[in-house]
Amino acid sequence: MRLLTHLLTSPPLAALLHTGDTSKFMGTWFVVHVKPTVFEVGASHAVERYTEVSPGRIDIDFQYRSGSKEKSLPQKGWVQPGHNGALWKVSPLWPIKMPYSIIGLASDYSHCVIGYPNRAYFWIMARTPVMDESTYQQVLKDLKEKHGYDLEGSFKVNQDWSDREYAQKRDLAEETK
């Protein structure tokens, strides 16, 4: 009931007015904290790699651990025209295309926040496995206070890469030093 009330009384989720250069968004992102989709419940070592295959068309390679199993969910993304790169459609499975909004982005592209219009999901991602704690806490606060998210059901993703062999296997040895 609380979720239904929240969804009915929350204003629409606002994407950033301008995200800057989409090409700077490409590359490796570590999922630091998530309000998960069904695929991500209990995930650890979650990493997304973004590759622009043509203007506005992105390949997303999402890899994570679920228990002791390695999982991969390749996705396709489309930057929506007329929204300065802040609104995307992402397809985890054909024919589904989910709307995602970039609702937070550091000026140096060191971290970002991706939201979902009805606030059912969010992703805090960073270029490194661990964010500065004060920045991380501020992002969580902004999700609640500025964007109207309920953090219940969200979790900090285990990004412990001390197993160097595993980091090497995932081709993340440099990013996880």
N, C-alpha and C. Protein backbone atom coordinates (compact mmCIF):
# COMPACT_ATOMS: atom_id res chain seq x y z
N MET A 1 0.82 -1.19 0.00
CA MET A 1 0.00 0.00 0.00
C MET A 1 0.87 1.26 0.00
N ARG A 2 1.96 1.22 0.79
CA ARG A 2 2.85 2.38 0.86
C ARG A 2 3.44 2.68 -0.51
N LEU A 3 3.83 1.62 -1.25
CA LEU A 3 4.39 1.81 -2.58
C LEU A 3 3.35 2.41 -3.52
N LEU A 4 2.12 1.92 -3.48
CA LEU A 4 1.07 2.44 -4.34
C LEU A 4 0.82 3.91 -4.04
N THR A 5 0.74 4.29 -2.78
CA THR A 5 0.55 5.69 -2.40
C THR A 5 1.71 6.53 -2.91
N HIS A 6 2.92 6.03 -2.75
CA HIS A 6 4.11 6.75 -3.21
C HIS A 6 4.06 6.96 -4.72
N LEU A 7 3.70 5.93 -5.47
CA LEU A 7 3.67 6.03 -6.92
C LEU A 7 2.59 7.00 -7.40
N LEU A 8 1.47 7.03 -6.70
CA LEU A 8 0.36 7.89 -7.11
C LEU A 8 0.57 9.35 -6.73
N THR A 9 1.38 9.62 -5.72
CA THR A 9 1.55 10.99 -5.25
C THR A 9 2.87 11.63 -5.65
N SER A 10 3.77 10.89 -6.24
CA SER A 10 5.07 11.43 -6.62
C SER A 10 4.99 12.11 -7.97
N PRO A 11 5.64 13.28 -8.11
CA PRO A 11 5.68 13.93 -9.42
C PRO A 11 6.54 13.12 -10.38
N PRO A 12 6.40 13.36 -11.69
CA PRO A 12 7.21 12.60 -12.64
C PRO A 12 8.71 12.76 -12.36
N LEU A 13 9.46 11.73 -12.63
CA LEU A 13 10.90 11.75 -12.44
C LEU A 13 11.52 12.66 -13.49
N ALA A 14 12.33 13.61 -13.06
CA ALA A 14 12.94 14.56 -13.99
C ALA A 14 14.35 14.12 -14.36
N ALA A 15 14.59 14.00 -15.65
CA ALA A 15 15.94 13.72 -16.14
C ALA A 15 16.74 15.01 -16.14
N LEU A 16 18.04 14.89 -16.22
CA LEU A 16 18.88 16.07 -16.33
C LEU A 16 18.52 16.82 -17.61
N LEU A 17 18.70 18.13 -17.59
CA LEU A 17 18.41 18.91 -18.79
C LEU A 17 19.47 18.69 -19.86
N HIS A 18 20.70 18.42 -19.43
CA HIS A 18 21.78 18.19 -20.39
C HIS A 18 22.81 17.29 -19.74
N THR A 19 23.18 16.23 -20.43
CA THR A 19 24.17 15.32 -19.87
C THR A 19 25.56 15.55 -20.43
N GLY A 20 25.65 16.41 -21.41
CA GLY A 20 26.97 16.64 -21.99
C GLY A 20 27.21 15.71 -23.15
N ASP A 21 28.37 15.14 -23.19
CA ASP A 21 28.84 14.35 -24.30
C ASP A 21 28.55 12.87 -24.06
N THR A 22 27.66 12.29 -24.86
CA THR A 22 27.32 10.87 -24.70
C THR A 22 28.55 9.98 -24.82
N SER A 23 29.50 10.37 -25.66
CA SER A 23 30.70 9.54 -25.83
C SER A 23 31.49 9.43 -24.53
N LYS A 24 31.42 10.45 -23.66
CA LYS A 24 32.12 10.39 -22.37
C LYS A 24 31.45 9.42 -21.40
N PHE A 25 30.20 9.09 -21.67
CA PHE A 25 29.46 8.14 -20.83
C PHE A 25 29.88 6.70 -21.13
N MET A 26 30.47 6.48 -22.28
CA MET A 26 30.85 5.13 -22.69
C MET A 26 31.99 4.61 -21.81
N GLY A 27 32.11 3.29 -21.75
CA GLY A 27 33.16 2.66 -20.97
C GLY A 27 32.60 1.85 -19.82
N THR A 28 33.44 1.60 -18.83
CA THR A 28 33.11 0.72 -17.71
C THR A 28 32.50 1.49 -16.56
N TRP A 29 31.40 0.96 -16.02
CA TRP A 29 30.74 1.50 -14.83
C TRP A 29 30.52 0.36 -13.83
N PHE A 30 30.88 0.60 -12.58
CA PHE A 30 30.62 -0.35 -11.50
C PHE A 30 29.30 0.04 -10.85
N VAL A 31 28.39 -0.92 -10.69
CA VAL A 31 27.11 -0.66 -10.03
C VAL A 31 27.39 -0.68 -8.53
N VAL A 32 27.29 0.49 -7.90
CA VAL A 32 27.64 0.66 -6.49
C VAL A 32 26.45 0.39 -5.57
N HIS A 33 25.27 0.81 -6.01
CA HIS A 33 24.05 0.66 -5.20
C HIS A 33 22.90 0.53 -6.19
N VAL A 34 21.92 -0.29 -5.86
CA VAL A 34 20.84 -0.54 -6.80
C VAL A 34 19.52 -0.77 -6.08
N LYS A 35 18.46 -0.30 -6.69
CA LYS A 35 17.11 -0.76 -6.36
C LYS A 35 16.79 -1.68 -7.53
N PRO A 36 16.89 -2.99 -7.34
CA PRO A 36 17.08 -3.92 -8.45
C PRO A 36 15.85 -4.30 -9.25
N THR A 37 16.13 -4.65 -10.50
CA THR A 37 15.15 -5.36 -11.31
C THR A 37 15.21 -6.82 -10.88
N VAL A 38 14.36 -7.65 -11.43
CA VAL A 38 14.34 -9.07 -11.08
C VAL A 38 15.68 -9.74 -11.39
N PHE A 39 16.40 -9.25 -12.39
CA PHE A 39 17.68 -9.85 -12.77
C PHE A 39 18.77 -9.58 -11.74
N GLU A 40 18.65 -8.50 -10.98
CA GLU A 40 19.75 -8.03 -10.14
C GLU A 40 19.61 -8.34 -8.65
N VAL A 41 18.52 -8.94 -8.24
CA VAL A 41 18.31 -9.23 -6.82
C VAL A 41 19.46 -10.10 -6.32
N GLY A 42 20.17 -9.62 -5.32
CA GLY A 42 21.29 -10.35 -4.74
C GLY A 42 22.57 -10.33 -5.55
N ALA A 43 22.64 -9.52 -6.60
CA ALA A 43 23.83 -9.48 -7.45
C ALA A 43 25.02 -8.89 -6.72
N SER A 44 26.20 -9.38 -7.07
CA SER A 44 27.45 -8.79 -6.59
C SER A 44 28.37 -8.60 -7.80
N HIS A 45 29.40 -7.80 -7.62
CA HIS A 45 30.39 -7.57 -8.68
C HIS A 45 29.73 -7.15 -9.99
N ALA A 46 28.70 -6.32 -9.89
CA ALA A 46 27.95 -5.88 -11.07
C ALA A 46 28.71 -4.78 -11.81
N VAL A 47 28.91 -5.01 -13.09
CA VAL A 47 29.64 -4.08 -13.94
C VAL A 47 28.90 -3.95 -15.26
N GLU A 48 28.79 -2.71 -15.74
CA GLU A 48 28.21 -2.46 -17.05
C GLU A 48 29.27 -1.81 -17.92
N ARG A 49 29.34 -2.25 -19.17
CA ARG A 49 30.25 -1.63 -20.15
C ARG A 49 29.39 -1.11 -21.30
N TYR A 50 29.56 0.17 -21.58
CA TYR A 50 28.78 0.85 -22.61
C TYR A 50 29.67 1.10 -23.83
N THR A 51 29.15 0.75 -25.01
CA THR A 51 29.86 0.96 -26.27
C THR A 51 28.88 1.58 -27.26
N GLU A 52 29.24 2.74 -27.80
CA GLU A 52 28.40 3.38 -28.81
C GLU A 52 28.70 2.73 -30.16
N VAL A 53 27.71 2.05 -30.73
CA VAL A 53 27.92 1.35 -32.00
C VAL A 53 27.57 2.22 -33.20
N SER A 54 26.73 3.21 -32.98
CA SER A 54 26.40 4.23 -33.98
C SER A 54 25.79 5.39 -33.19
N PRO A 55 25.67 6.57 -33.79
CA PRO A 55 25.13 7.70 -33.03
C PRO A 55 23.78 7.36 -32.38
N GLY A 56 23.74 7.44 -31.06
CA GLY A 56 22.51 7.19 -30.32
C GLY A 56 22.17 5.73 -30.07
N ARG A 57 22.99 4.81 -30.55
CA ARG A 57 22.74 3.37 -30.37
C ARG A 57 23.88 2.78 -29.55
N ILE A 58 23.55 2.21 -28.39
CA ILE A 58 24.53 1.76 -27.41
C ILE A 58 24.38 0.26 -27.17
N ASP A 59 25.51 -0.45 -27.14
CA ASP A 59 25.53 -1.83 -26.65
C ASP A 59 25.93 -1.78 -25.18
N ILE A 60 25.21 -2.52 -24.35
CA ILE A 60 25.47 -2.56 -22.91
C ILE A 60 25.78 -4.01 -22.54
N ASP A 61 26.96 -4.22 -21.99
CA ASP A 61 27.37 -5.54 -21.54
C ASP A 61 27.29 -5.53 -20.01
N PHE A 62 26.26 -6.15 -19.46
CA PHE A 62 26.05 -6.18 -18.01
C PHE A 62 26.46 -7.55 -17.50
N GLN A 63 27.47 -7.58 -16.61
CA GLN A 63 27.94 -8.83 -16.02
C GLN A 63 27.94 -8.71 -14.51
N TYR A 64 27.63 -9.83 -13.84
CA TYR A 64 27.56 -9.83 -12.38
C TYR A 64 27.66 -11.26 -11.87
N ARG A 65 27.76 -11.36 -10.56
CA ARG A 65 27.73 -12.66 -9.89
C ARG A 65 26.39 -12.80 -9.19
N SER A 66 25.84 -13.99 -9.26
CA SER A 66 24.64 -14.33 -8.51
C SER A 66 24.99 -15.59 -7.74
N GLY A 67 25.26 -15.42 -6.43
CA GLY A 67 25.81 -16.53 -5.66
C GLY A 67 27.20 -16.82 -6.19
N SER A 68 27.44 -18.05 -6.61
CA SER A 68 28.75 -18.39 -7.17
C SER A 68 28.73 -18.44 -8.69
N LYS A 69 27.60 -18.11 -9.29
CA LYS A 69 27.46 -18.19 -10.74
C LYS A 69 27.72 -16.84 -11.40
N GLU A 70 28.43 -16.90 -12.52
CA GLU A 70 28.63 -15.71 -13.36
C GLU A 70 27.41 -15.54 -14.25
N LYS A 71 26.94 -14.32 -14.34
CA LYS A 71 25.77 -14.03 -15.18
C LYS A 71 26.13 -12.89 -16.13
N SER A 72 25.48 -12.89 -17.26
CA SER A 72 25.68 -11.85 -18.25
C SER A 72 24.33 -11.51 -18.87
N LEU A 73 24.07 -10.24 -19.03
CA LEU A 73 22.83 -9.81 -19.65
C LEU A 73 23.16 -8.73 -20.68
N PRO A 74 23.42 -9.14 -21.93
CA PRO A 74 23.69 -8.15 -22.97
C PRO A 74 22.41 -7.38 -23.27
N GLN A 75 22.55 -6.07 -23.44
CA GLN A 75 21.39 -5.21 -23.68
C GLN A 75 21.69 -4.24 -24.81
N LYS A 76 20.63 -3.70 -25.37
CA LYS A 76 20.76 -2.65 -26.39
C LYS A 76 20.13 -1.39 -25.83
N GLY A 77 20.75 -0.25 -26.12
CA GLY A 77 20.22 1.02 -25.66
C GLY A 77 20.10 2.02 -26.80
N TRP A 78 19.14 2.92 -26.65
CA TRP A 78 18.92 3.98 -27.62
C TRP A 78 18.77 5.29 -26.87
N VAL A 79 19.62 6.25 -27.18
CA VAL A 79 19.49 7.59 -26.62
C VAL A 79 18.31 8.24 -27.33
N GLN A 80 17.37 8.78 -26.55
CA GLN A 80 16.16 9.35 -27.13
C GLN A 80 16.41 10.75 -27.67
N PRO A 81 16.04 11.01 -28.92
CA PRO A 81 16.27 12.33 -29.51
C PRO A 81 15.49 13.42 -28.76
N GLY A 82 16.07 14.60 -28.72
CA GLY A 82 15.40 15.75 -28.13
C GLY A 82 15.51 15.88 -26.63
N HIS A 83 16.31 15.05 -25.99
CA HIS A 83 16.44 15.10 -24.53
C HIS A 83 17.89 15.25 -24.07
N ASN A 84 18.74 15.74 -24.97
CA ASN A 84 20.15 16.01 -24.65
C ASN A 84 20.87 14.83 -24.03
N GLY A 85 20.55 13.65 -24.46
CA GLY A 85 21.26 12.46 -23.98
C GLY A 85 20.81 11.95 -22.62
N ALA A 86 19.80 12.56 -22.01
CA ALA A 86 19.40 12.20 -20.65
C ALA A 86 18.33 11.11 -20.58
N LEU A 87 17.65 10.84 -21.67
CA LEU A 87 16.63 9.79 -21.69
C LEU A 87 17.04 8.69 -22.66
N TRP A 88 16.96 7.47 -22.17
CA TRP A 88 17.33 6.30 -22.98
C TRP A 88 16.20 5.29 -22.94
N LYS A 89 16.17 4.44 -23.93
CA LYS A 89 15.36 3.21 -23.90
C LYS A 89 16.38 2.07 -23.90
N VAL A 90 16.18 1.10 -23.02
CA VAL A 90 17.10 -0.03 -22.92
C VAL A 90 16.30 -1.32 -23.02
N SER A 91 16.81 -2.22 -23.84
CA SER A 91 16.14 -3.50 -24.06
C SER A 91 16.98 -4.64 -23.48
N PRO A 92 16.53 -5.19 -22.32
CA PRO A 92 17.21 -6.36 -21.78
C PRO A 92 16.80 -7.64 -22.51
N LEU A 93 15.60 -7.65 -23.05
CA LEU A 93 15.05 -8.79 -23.79
C LEU A 93 14.11 -8.23 -24.84
N TRP A 94 14.18 -8.75 -26.05
CA TRP A 94 13.26 -8.31 -27.08
C TRP A 94 11.87 -8.83 -26.75
N PRO A 95 10.82 -8.08 -26.87
CA PRO A 95 10.65 -6.75 -27.45
C PRO A 95 10.60 -5.63 -26.39
N ILE A 96 10.99 -5.93 -25.18
CA ILE A 96 10.90 -4.95 -24.08
C ILE A 96 11.90 -3.82 -24.28
N LYS A 97 11.43 -2.59 -24.15
CA LYS A 97 12.30 -1.40 -24.13
C LYS A 97 11.90 -0.58 -22.91
N MET A 98 12.80 -0.53 -21.95
CA MET A 98 12.52 0.16 -20.68
C MET A 98 13.08 1.58 -20.73
N PRO A 99 12.29 2.57 -20.23
CA PRO A 99 12.76 3.95 -20.23
C PRO A 99 13.65 4.24 -19.02
N TYR A 100 14.83 4.74 -19.27
CA TYR A 100 15.76 5.11 -18.20
C TYR A 100 16.10 6.59 -18.33
N SER A 101 16.25 7.24 -17.18
CA SER A 101 16.61 8.66 -17.14
C SER A 101 17.92 8.83 -16.39
N ILE A 102 18.82 9.61 -16.96
CA ILE A 102 20.02 9.98 -16.23
C ILE A 102 19.62 11.14 -15.32
N ILE A 103 19.55 10.87 -14.01
CA ILE A 103 19.08 11.89 -13.06
C ILE A 103 20.22 12.49 -12.24
N GLY A 104 21.40 11.96 -12.41
CA GLY A 104 22.58 12.51 -11.74
C GLY A 104 23.83 12.15 -12.52
N LEU A 105 24.73 13.12 -12.68
CA LEU A 105 25.97 12.87 -13.41
C LEU A 105 27.03 13.84 -12.92
N ALA A 106 28.12 13.31 -12.40
CA ALA A 106 29.24 14.15 -11.97
C ALA A 106 29.84 14.84 -13.20
N SER A 107 30.29 16.07 -13.02
CA SER A 107 30.84 16.83 -14.14
C SER A 107 32.05 16.14 -14.77
N ASP A 108 32.76 15.34 -13.98
CA ASP A 108 33.91 14.60 -14.51
C ASP A 108 33.56 13.16 -14.92
N TYR A 109 32.27 12.85 -14.94
CA TYR A 109 31.78 11.53 -15.32
C TYR A 109 32.32 10.43 -14.41
N SER A 110 32.62 10.75 -13.16
CA SER A 110 33.13 9.76 -12.21
C SER A 110 32.02 8.92 -11.59
N HIS A 111 30.82 9.46 -11.55
CA HIS A 111 29.67 8.68 -11.08
C HIS A 111 28.40 9.21 -11.74
N CYS A 112 27.37 8.37 -11.73
CA CYS A 112 26.09 8.77 -12.31
C CYS A 112 24.97 8.07 -11.55
N VAL A 113 23.77 8.56 -11.76
CA VAL A 113 22.58 7.95 -11.18
C VAL A 113 21.56 7.79 -12.30
N ILE A 114 21.07 6.58 -12.45
CA ILE A 114 20.07 6.27 -13.47
C ILE A 114 18.77 5.96 -12.74
N GLY A 115 17.69 6.57 -13.19
CA GLY A 115 16.39 6.35 -12.58
C GLY A 115 15.40 5.74 -13.56
N TYR A 116 14.31 5.27 -13.01
CA TYR A 116 13.22 4.69 -13.78
C TYR A 116 11.99 5.55 -13.51
N PRO A 117 11.18 5.86 -14.54
CA PRO A 117 10.10 6.84 -14.37
C PRO A 117 9.17 6.63 -13.17
N ASN A 118 8.79 5.39 -12.85
CA ASN A 118 7.88 5.19 -11.72
C ASN A 118 8.62 4.95 -10.40
N ARG A 119 9.96 5.13 -10.43
CA ARG A 119 10.82 5.00 -9.25
C ARG A 119 10.92 3.57 -8.70
N ALA A 120 10.58 2.60 -9.51
CA ALA A 120 10.69 1.20 -9.07
C ALA A 120 12.15 0.75 -9.01
N TYR A 121 13.02 1.39 -9.79
CA TYR A 121 14.43 0.99 -9.88
C TYR A 121 15.32 2.22 -9.90
N PHE A 122 16.56 2.04 -9.46
CA PHE A 122 17.61 3.03 -9.69
C PHE A 122 18.96 2.34 -9.63
N TRP A 123 19.95 3.01 -10.20
CA TRP A 123 21.32 2.51 -10.22
C TRP A 123 22.25 3.66 -9.91
N ILE A 124 23.10 3.49 -8.91
CA ILE A 124 24.20 4.41 -8.66
C ILE A 124 25.44 3.71 -9.21
N MET A 125 26.11 4.36 -10.14
CA MET A 125 27.27 3.72 -10.77
C MET A 125 28.47 4.65 -10.70
N ALA A 126 29.65 4.05 -10.69
CA ALA A 126 30.89 4.82 -10.62
C ALA A 126 31.94 4.18 -11.51
N ARG A 127 32.94 4.95 -11.84
CA ARG A 127 34.03 4.46 -12.69
C ARG A 127 34.98 3.54 -11.92
N THR A 128 34.88 3.59 -10.60
CA THR A 128 35.70 2.74 -9.73
C THR A 128 34.76 1.91 -8.86
N PRO A 129 35.25 0.80 -8.30
CA PRO A 129 34.37 -0.07 -7.51
C PRO A 129 33.81 0.58 -6.25
N VAL A 130 34.50 1.59 -5.73
CA VAL A 130 34.08 2.23 -4.48
C VAL A 130 34.00 3.73 -4.70
N MET A 131 32.90 4.34 -4.25
CA MET A 131 32.76 5.80 -4.31
C MET A 131 33.24 6.41 -3.00
N ASP A 132 33.66 7.65 -3.08
CA ASP A 132 33.93 8.42 -1.87
C ASP A 132 32.68 8.37 -0.99
N GLU A 133 32.83 8.07 0.30
CA GLU A 133 31.68 7.85 1.19
C GLU A 133 30.77 9.07 1.29
N SER A 134 31.33 10.27 1.37
CA SER A 134 30.47 11.46 1.50
C SER A 134 29.68 11.69 0.21
N THR A 135 30.29 11.45 -0.94
CA THR A 135 29.57 11.56 -2.21
C THR A 135 28.47 10.52 -2.29
N TYR A 136 28.78 9.30 -1.90
CA TYR A 136 27.82 8.21 -1.90
C TYR A 136 26.61 8.55 -1.03
N GLN A 137 26.86 9.02 0.19
CA GLN A 137 25.77 9.38 1.10
C GLN A 137 24.94 10.53 0.54
N GLN A 138 25.58 11.50 -0.11
CA GLN A 138 24.86 12.62 -0.71
C GLN A 138 23.96 12.14 -1.85
N VAL A 139 24.45 11.22 -2.65
CA VAL A 139 23.65 10.67 -3.75
C VAL A 139 22.41 9.96 -3.20
N LEU A 140 22.58 9.16 -2.15
CA LEU A 140 21.43 8.49 -1.53
C LEU A 140 20.43 9.51 -0.98
N LYS A 141 20.94 10.55 -0.34
CA LYS A 141 20.07 11.61 0.19
C LYS A 141 19.30 12.30 -0.94
N ASP A 142 20.00 12.60 -2.03
CA ASP A 142 19.34 13.23 -3.18
C ASP A 142 18.28 12.33 -3.79
N LEU A 143 18.54 11.03 -3.85
CA LEU A 143 17.53 10.11 -4.37
C LEU A 143 16.24 10.21 -3.58
N LYS A 144 16.36 10.29 -2.27
CA LYS A 144 15.17 10.41 -1.41
C LYS A 144 14.54 11.79 -1.51
N GLU A 145 15.35 12.82 -1.29
CA GLU A 145 14.81 14.17 -1.12
C GLU A 145 14.53 14.90 -2.43
N LYS A 146 15.39 14.77 -3.41
CA LYS A 146 15.20 15.49 -4.67
C LYS A 146 14.37 14.71 -5.68
N HIS A 147 14.52 13.39 -5.65
CA HIS A 147 13.88 12.58 -6.69
C HIS A 147 12.72 11.73 -6.18
N GLY A 148 12.45 11.76 -4.87
CA GLY A 148 11.29 11.07 -4.33
C GLY A 148 11.37 9.56 -4.27
N TYR A 149 12.56 9.02 -4.22
CA TYR A 149 12.72 7.57 -4.15
C TYR A 149 12.56 7.06 -2.72
N ASP A 150 11.95 5.89 -2.60
CA ASP A 150 11.93 5.12 -1.36
C ASP A 150 13.10 4.15 -1.49
N LEU A 151 14.04 4.20 -0.55
CA LEU A 151 15.24 3.37 -0.65
C LEU A 151 15.02 1.93 -0.17
N GLU A 152 13.84 1.65 0.38
CA GLU A 152 13.57 0.29 0.84
C GLU A 152 13.69 -0.69 -0.32
N GLY A 153 14.37 -1.79 -0.09
CA GLY A 153 14.59 -2.79 -1.12
C GLY A 153 15.84 -2.56 -1.95
N SER A 154 16.50 -1.43 -1.72
CA SER A 154 17.75 -1.17 -2.43
C SER A 154 18.91 -1.72 -1.62
N PHE A 155 20.05 -1.92 -2.26
CA PHE A 155 21.21 -2.42 -1.52
C PHE A 155 22.51 -1.96 -2.15
N LYS A 156 23.54 -1.89 -1.30
CA LYS A 156 24.88 -1.59 -1.76
C LYS A 156 25.44 -2.88 -2.36
N VAL A 157 25.96 -2.78 -3.57
CA VAL A 157 26.46 -3.95 -4.29
C VAL A 157 27.88 -4.29 -3.83
N ASN A 158 28.10 -5.56 -3.52
CA ASN A 158 29.44 -6.01 -3.14
C ASN A 158 30.37 -5.82 -4.33
N GLN A 159 31.38 -4.98 -4.15
CA GLN A 159 32.37 -4.73 -5.19
C GLN A 159 33.77 -5.04 -4.65
N ASP A 160 33.89 -6.11 -3.87
CA ASP A 160 35.18 -6.53 -3.33
C ASP A 160 35.95 -7.29 -4.41
N TRP A 161 36.97 -6.67 -4.93
CA TRP A 161 37.76 -7.24 -6.01
C TRP A 161 39.14 -7.69 -5.52
N SER A 162 39.25 -8.07 -4.26
CA SER A 162 40.54 -8.50 -3.71
C SER A 162 41.03 -9.81 -4.34
N ASP A 163 40.14 -10.59 -4.91
CA ASP A 163 40.52 -11.79 -5.65
C ASP A 163 41.03 -11.33 -7.02
N ARG A 164 42.35 -11.13 -7.12
CA ARG A 164 42.95 -10.57 -8.33
C ARG A 164 42.76 -11.48 -9.54
N GLU A 165 42.73 -12.77 -9.31
CA GLU A 165 42.51 -13.70 -10.42
C GLU A 165 41.11 -13.48 -11.01
N TYR A 166 40.13 -13.28 -10.13
CA TYR A 166 38.77 -13.02 -10.60
C TYR A 166 38.70 -11.69 -11.36
N ALA A 167 39.37 -10.67 -10.83
CA ALA A 167 39.40 -9.37 -11.51
C ALA A 167 40.02 -9.50 -12.90
N GLN A 168 41.09 -10.27 -12.99
CA GLN A 168 41.75 -10.49 -14.28
C GLN A 168 40.82 -11.24 -15.23
N LYS A 169 40.14 -12.25 -14.72
CA LYS A 169 39.21 -13.03 -15.53
C LYS A 169 38.11 -12.15 -16.12
N ARG A 170 37.66 -11.18 -15.35
CA ARG A 170 36.61 -10.26 -15.81
C ARG A 170 37.19 -9.08 -16.59
N ASP A 171 38.49 -9.10 -16.84
CA ASP A 171 39.18 -8.03 -17.57
C ASP A 171 39.03 -6.68 -16.86
N LEU A 172 39.16 -6.73 -15.52
CA LEU A 172 39.02 -5.53 -14.70
C LEU A 172 40.22 -5.32 -13.78
N ALA A 173 41.34 -5.91 -14.11
CA ALA A 173 42.52 -5.82 -13.24
C ALA A 173 42.95 -4.37 -13.03
N GLU A 174 42.96 -3.57 -14.08
CA GLU A 174 43.39 -2.17 -13.96
C GLU A 174 42.40 -1.34 -13.15
N GLU A 175 41.11 -1.47 -13.46
CA GLU A 175 40.08 -0.66 -12.81
C GLU A 175 39.89 -0.99 -11.33
N THR A 176 40.34 -2.16 -10.90
CA THR A 176 40.07 -2.60 -9.52
C THR A 176 41.31 -2.66 -8.64
N LYS A 177 42.38 -2.03 -9.06
CA LYS A 177 43.62 -2.05 -8.26
C LYS A 177 43.39 -1.45 -6.90
